[in-house]
Amino acid sequence: ERGKAYSRGLLDKAVKKVREIKAPMPGLVLNIMVKPGDVIKKNDPILVLEAMKMENLIKAPSDSIVSSVQAEQGKAVEKGQILVCFE
């Protein structure tokens, strides 16, 4: 029954799965450490974003599989731009 699945927290689990990483700030993509198909674990390094002369390591929010990489090494990104998508 549909209601029972929700009460067991299955919906909770589905909501918490992160589908993409967006740029937290405008910057320059220095290095991309993943490619589509990569199996990643929570806190694995995904990419390095340089912003305001500082290098920011963007890490995986959860265990997942990379479905696509939207960012390009050496290219500037805007705040909120999608960098990497997950299955």
C-alpha atoms as a PDB file:
ATOM      1  CA  GLU A   1       0.000   0.000   0.000  1.00  0.00           C
ATOM      2  CA  ARG A   2       1.258   3.430  -0.935  1.00  0.00           C
ATOM      3  CA  GLY A   3       0.865   5.067   2.488  1.00  0.00           C
ATOM      4  CA  LYS A   4       2.972   2.418   4.229  1.00  0.00           C
ATOM      5  CA  ALA A   5       6.024   3.078   2.033  1.00  0.00           C
ATOM      6  CA  TYR A   6       5.954   6.748   3.004  1.00  0.00           C
ATOM      7  CA  SER A   7       5.663   5.990   6.704  1.00  0.00           C
ATOM      8  CA  ARG A   8       8.772   3.769   6.588  1.00  0.00           C
ATOM      9  CA  GLY A   9      10.914   6.679   5.458  1.00  0.00           C
ATOM     10  CA  LEU A  10      11.380   5.608   1.836  1.00  0.00           C
ATOM     11  CA  LEU A  11      10.265   9.028   0.628  1.00  0.00           C
ATOM     12  CA  ASP A  12      12.751  10.587   3.054  1.00  0.00           C
ATOM     13  CA  LYS A  13      15.572   8.614   1.455  1.00  0.00           C
ATOM     14  CA  ALA A  14      14.551   9.610  -2.082  1.00  0.00           C
ATOM     15  CA  VAL A  15      14.443  13.309  -1.194  1.00  0.00           C
ATOM     16  CA  LYS A  16      17.949  13.299   0.300  1.00  0.00           C
ATOM     17  CA  LYS A  17      19.625  11.925  -2.856  1.00  0.00           C
ATOM     18  CA  VAL A  18      21.537  14.738  -4.525  1.00  0.00           C
ATOM     19  CA  ARG A  19      21.127  14.808  -8.314  1.00  0.00           C
ATOM     20  CA  GLU A  20      23.653  17.547  -9.144  1.00  0.00           C
ATOM     21  CA  ILE A  21      26.334  19.843  -7.827  1.00  0.00           C
ATOM     22  CA  LYS A  22      25.983  23.544  -8.588  1.00  0.00           C
ATOM     23  CA  ALA A  23      28.716  26.160  -8.348  1.00  0.00           C
ATOM     24  CA  PRO A  24      28.527  27.716  -4.862  1.00  0.00           C
ATOM     25  CA  MET A  25      30.105  30.916  -6.244  1.00  0.00           C
ATOM     26  CA  PRO A  26      31.390  32.289  -9.549  1.00  0.00           C
ATOM     27  CA  GLY A  27      34.878  31.053 -10.368  1.00  0.00           C
ATOM     28  CA  LEU A  28      37.224  29.185 -12.670  1.00  0.00           C
ATOM     29  CA  VAL A  29      37.243  25.385 -12.961  1.00  0.00           C
ATOM     30  CA  LEU A  30      40.885  24.386 -12.378  1.00  0.00           C
ATOM     31  CA  ASN A  31      40.605  20.618 -12.262  1.00  0.00           C
ATOM     32  CA  ILE A  32      37.888  17.981 -12.748  1.00  0.00           C
ATOM     33  CA  MET A  33      38.542  14.681 -10.964  1.00  0.00           C
ATOM     34  CA  VAL A  34      35.534  12.668 -12.180  1.00  0.00           C
ATOM     35  CA  LYS A  35      34.057  11.510 -15.483  1.00  0.00           C
ATOM     36  CA  PRO A  36      30.675  10.042 -16.433  1.00  0.00           C
ATOM     37  CA  GLY A  37      30.269   6.504 -15.104  1.00  0.00           C
ATOM     38  CA  ASP A  38      32.577   7.026 -12.106  1.00  0.00           C
ATOM     39  CA  VAL A  39      31.296   5.523  -8.855  1.00  0.00           C
ATOM     40  CA  ILE A  40      31.973   8.023  -6.080  1.00  0.00           C
ATOM     41  CA  LYS A  41      31.698   7.976  -2.307  1.00  0.00           C
ATOM     42  CA  LYS A  42      30.575  10.779  -0.006  1.00  0.00           C
ATOM     43  CA  ASN A  43      33.352  13.413   0.376  1.00  0.00           C
ATOM     44  CA  ASP A  44      35.354  12.188  -2.652  1.00  0.00           C
ATOM     45  CA  PRO A  45      36.909  15.157  -4.484  1.00  0.00           C
ATOM     46  CA  ILE A  46      34.838  16.145  -7.541  1.00  0.00           C
ATOM     47  CA  LEU A  47      36.521  19.298  -8.824  1.00  0.00           C
ATOM     48  CA  VAL A  48      38.578  22.341  -7.876  1.00  0.00           C
ATOM     49  CA  LEU A  49      36.976  25.757  -8.298  1.00  0.00           C
ATOM     50  CA  GLU A  50      39.130  28.882  -8.009  1.00  0.00           C
ATOM     51  CA  ALA A  51      37.286  31.896  -6.637  1.00  0.00           C
ATOM     52  CA  MET A  52      38.780  35.110  -5.240  1.00  0.00           C
ATOM     53  CA  LYS A  53      42.328  33.702  -5.527  1.00  0.00           C
ATOM     54  CA  MET A  54      41.422  30.688  -3.378  1.00  0.00           C
ATOM     55  CA  GLU A  55      41.123  27.078  -4.518  1.00  0.00           C
ATOM     56  CA  ASN A  56      37.920  25.429  -3.322  1.00  0.00           C
ATOM     57  CA  LEU A  57      37.710  21.635  -3.392  1.00  0.00           C
ATOM     58  CA  ILE A  58      34.161  20.574  -4.221  1.00  0.00           C
ATOM     59  CA  LYS A  59      33.378  17.176  -2.665  1.00  0.00           C
ATOM     60  CA  ALA A  60      30.709  14.557  -3.333  1.00  0.00           C
ATOM     61  CA  PRO A  61      27.623  15.135  -1.170  1.00  0.00           C
ATOM     62  CA  SER A  62      26.789  11.409  -1.102  1.00  0.00           C
ATOM     63  CA  ASP A  63      27.635   8.015  -2.593  1.00  0.00           C
ATOM     64  CA  SER A  64      26.545   8.107  -6.211  1.00  0.00           C
ATOM     65  CA  ILE A  65      27.435   7.536  -9.867  1.00  0.00           C
ATOM     66  CA  VAL A  66      28.451  10.444 -12.104  1.00  0.00           C
ATOM     67  CA  SER A  67      26.018  10.698 -15.043  1.00  0.00           C
ATOM     68  CA  SER A  68      27.487  13.807 -16.687  1.00  0.00           C
ATOM     69  CA  VAL A  69      30.075  16.545 -16.200  1.00  0.00           C
ATOM     70  CA  GLN A  70      28.746  19.953 -17.288  1.00  0.00           C
ATOM     71  CA  ALA A  71      31.799  21.988 -16.289  1.00  0.00           C
ATOM     72  CA  GLU A  72      34.900  22.340 -18.467  1.00  0.00           C
ATOM     73  CA  GLN A  73      38.431  22.610 -17.142  1.00  0.00           C
ATOM     74  CA  GLY A  74      39.798  26.137 -17.638  1.00  0.00           C
ATOM     75  CA  LYS A  75      36.332  27.671 -18.093  1.00  0.00           C
ATOM     76  CA  ALA A  76      34.588  30.185 -15.857  1.00  0.00           C
ATOM     77  CA  VAL A  77      31.299  29.274 -14.181  1.00  0.00           C
ATOM     78  CA  GLU A  78      28.557  31.389 -12.641  1.00  0.00           C
ATOM     79  CA  LYS A  79      27.052  30.921  -9.186  1.00  0.00           C
ATOM     80  CA  GLY A  80      24.318  28.282  -9.373  1.00  0.00           C
ATOM     81  CA  GLN A  81      25.571  26.798 -12.646  1.00  0.00           C
ATOM     82  CA  ILE A  82      25.345  22.980 -12.746  1.00  0.00           C
ATOM     83  CA  LEU A  83      28.822  21.429 -12.613  1.00  0.00           C
ATOM     84  CA  VAL A  84      28.226  17.665 -12.267  1.00  0.00           C
ATOM     85  CA  CYS A  85      25.083  15.493 -12.437  1.00  0.00           C
ATOM     86  CA  PHE A  86      24.507  12.151 -10.709  1.00  0.00           C
ATOM     87  CA  GLU A  87      22.315   9.156 -11.550  1.00  0.00           C
END
